[in-house]
């Protein structure tokens, strides 16, 4: 009995979820350096994904559909 492969949209869905886990910014981490000279004090903030990759909403919004579309295109039947 031959088993049929999953449809391309299923692979695209998995690729989109994988891209979301890797790139969706879900937490903010920051750092502040205080100085006795006020002009030298500064703070930074970074958006991080679930796995700790620095990310942005724009990167996530662009990369997820591209990953899904590329996976669908690569796995469709010829």
C-alpha atoms as a PDB file:
ATOM      1  CA  UNK A   1       0.000   0.000   0.000  1.00  0.00           C
ATOM      2  CA  UNK A   2       1.522   3.280  -1.138  1.00  0.00           C
ATOM      3  CA  UNK A   3       1.202   6.234   1.199  1.00  0.00           C
ATOM      4  CA  UNK A   4       0.387   9.591  -0.385  1.00  0.00           C
ATOM      5  CA  UNK A   5       2.489  12.631   0.471  1.00  0.00           C
ATOM      6  CA  UNK A   6       0.961  15.511   2.375  1.00  0.00           C
ATOM      7  CA  UNK A   7      -0.436  18.348   0.238  1.00  0.00           C
ATOM      8  CA  UNK A   8       1.823  21.351  -0.418  1.00  0.00           C
ATOM      9  CA  UNK A   9      -0.373  23.669   1.667  1.00  0.00           C
ATOM     10  CA  UNK A  10       0.324  21.513   4.740  1.00  0.00           C
ATOM     11  CA  UNK A  11       4.066  21.964   4.296  1.00  0.00           C
ATOM     12  CA  UNK A  12       3.495  25.715   3.767  1.00  0.00           C
ATOM     13  CA  UNK A  13       1.514  25.889   7.009  1.00  0.00           C
ATOM     14  CA  UNK A  14       4.314  24.173   8.921  1.00  0.00           C
ATOM     15  CA  UNK A  15       6.902  26.514   7.362  1.00  0.00           C
ATOM     16  CA  UNK A  16       4.805  29.532   8.366  1.00  0.00           C
ATOM     17  CA  UNK A  17       4.514  28.273  11.938  1.00  0.00           C
ATOM     18  CA  UNK A  18       8.246  27.585  12.056  1.00  0.00           C
ATOM     19  CA  UNK A  19       8.995  31.106  10.794  1.00  0.00           C
ATOM     20  CA  UNK A  20       6.619  32.516  13.405  1.00  0.00           C
ATOM     21  CA  UNK A  21       8.343  30.673  16.229  1.00  0.00           C
ATOM     22  CA  UNK A  22      11.760  31.793  14.995  1.00  0.00           C
ATOM     23  CA  UNK A  23      10.949  35.425  14.175  1.00  0.00           C
ATOM     24  CA  UNK A  24       7.797  36.730  15.899  1.00  0.00           C
ATOM     25  CA  UNK A  25       8.868  39.340  18.450  1.00  0.00           C
ATOM     26  CA  UNK A  26       7.267  38.290  21.718  1.00  0.00           C
ATOM     27  CA  UNK A  27       9.413  39.885  24.416  1.00  0.00           C
ATOM     28  CA  UNK A  28      11.432  43.002  25.026  1.00  0.00           C
ATOM     29  CA  UNK A  29      14.782  43.042  26.732  1.00  0.00           C
ATOM     30  CA  UNK A  30      16.640  46.156  27.600  1.00  0.00           C
ATOM     31  CA  UNK A  31      19.817  47.501  29.090  1.00  0.00           C
ATOM     32  CA  UNK A  32      20.593  50.811  30.766  1.00  0.00           C
ATOM     33  CA  UNK A  33      24.063  52.179  31.435  1.00  0.00           C
ATOM     34  CA  UNK A  34      24.095  54.931  34.016  1.00  0.00           C
ATOM     35  CA  UNK A  35      26.949  57.356  34.241  1.00  0.00           C
ATOM     36  CA  UNK A  36      27.863  60.070  36.686  1.00  0.00           C
ATOM     37  CA  UNK A  37      27.901  62.327  33.618  1.00  0.00           C
ATOM     38  CA  UNK A  38      24.247  62.529  32.485  1.00  0.00           C
ATOM     39  CA  UNK A  39      25.099  62.921  28.788  1.00  0.00           C
ATOM     40  CA  UNK A  40      26.855  59.527  28.797  1.00  0.00           C
ATOM     41  CA  UNK A  41      23.913  57.549  30.237  1.00  0.00           C
ATOM     42  CA  UNK A  42      21.878  55.543  27.756  1.00  0.00           C
ATOM     43  CA  UNK A  43      19.314  52.762  27.469  1.00  0.00           C
ATOM     44  CA  UNK A  44      18.590  50.265  24.678  1.00  0.00           C
ATOM     45  CA  UNK A  45      15.699  47.905  24.005  1.00  0.00           C
ATOM     46  CA  UNK A  46      15.561  44.890  21.729  1.00  0.00           C
ATOM     47  CA  UNK A  47      12.599  42.826  20.548  1.00  0.00           C
ATOM     48  CA  UNK A  48      13.320  39.098  20.814  1.00  0.00           C
ATOM     49  CA  UNK A  49      11.556  36.045  19.410  1.00  0.00           C
ATOM     50  CA  UNK A  50      10.596  32.967  21.402  1.00  0.00           C
ATOM     51  CA  UNK A  51      14.019  31.426  20.790  1.00  0.00           C
ATOM     52  CA  UNK A  52      15.939  34.638  21.527  1.00  0.00           C
ATOM     53  CA  UNK A  53      16.633  35.926  18.014  1.00  0.00           C
ATOM     54  CA  UNK A  54      16.551  39.742  17.738  1.00  0.00           C
ATOM     55  CA  UNK A  55      13.600  40.533  15.488  1.00  0.00           C
ATOM     56  CA  UNK A  56      11.114  43.186  14.395  1.00  0.00           C
ATOM     57  CA  UNK A  57       7.443  43.093  13.452  1.00  0.00           C
ATOM     58  CA  UNK A  58       8.322  44.009   9.881  1.00  0.00           C
ATOM     59  CA  UNK A  59      10.849  41.189   9.546  1.00  0.00           C
ATOM     60  CA  UNK A  60       8.330  38.693  10.902  1.00  0.00           C
ATOM     61  CA  UNK A  61       5.492  39.984   8.706  1.00  0.00           C
ATOM     62  CA  UNK A  62       7.622  39.728   5.565  1.00  0.00           C
ATOM     63  CA  UNK A  63       9.516  36.489   6.282  1.00  0.00           C
ATOM     64  CA  UNK A  64       6.526  34.340   7.292  1.00  0.00           C
ATOM     65  CA  UNK A  65       4.567  34.541   4.007  1.00  0.00           C
ATOM     66  CA  UNK A  66       7.784  34.269   2.000  1.00  0.00           C
ATOM     67  CA  UNK A  67       8.748  31.083   3.859  1.00  0.00           C
ATOM     68  CA  UNK A  68       5.264  29.632   3.400  1.00  0.00           C
ATOM     69  CA  UNK A  69       5.103  30.527  -0.304  1.00  0.00           C
ATOM     70  CA  UNK A  70       8.595  29.192  -1.008  1.00  0.00           C
ATOM     71  CA  UNK A  71       7.799  25.933   0.773  1.00  0.00           C
ATOM     72  CA  UNK A  72       4.513  25.563  -1.121  1.00  0.00           C
ATOM     73  CA  UNK A  73       6.304  26.230  -4.427  1.00  0.00           C
ATOM     74  CA  UNK A  74       9.067  23.718  -3.653  1.00  0.00           C
ATOM     75  CA  UNK A  75       6.691  20.945  -2.530  1.00  0.00           C
ATOM     76  CA  UNK A  76       3.946  21.182  -5.164  1.00  0.00           C
ATOM     77  CA  UNK A  77       3.512  18.260  -7.485  1.00  0.00           C
ATOM     78  CA  UNK A  78       4.891  18.612 -10.976  1.00  0.00           C
END
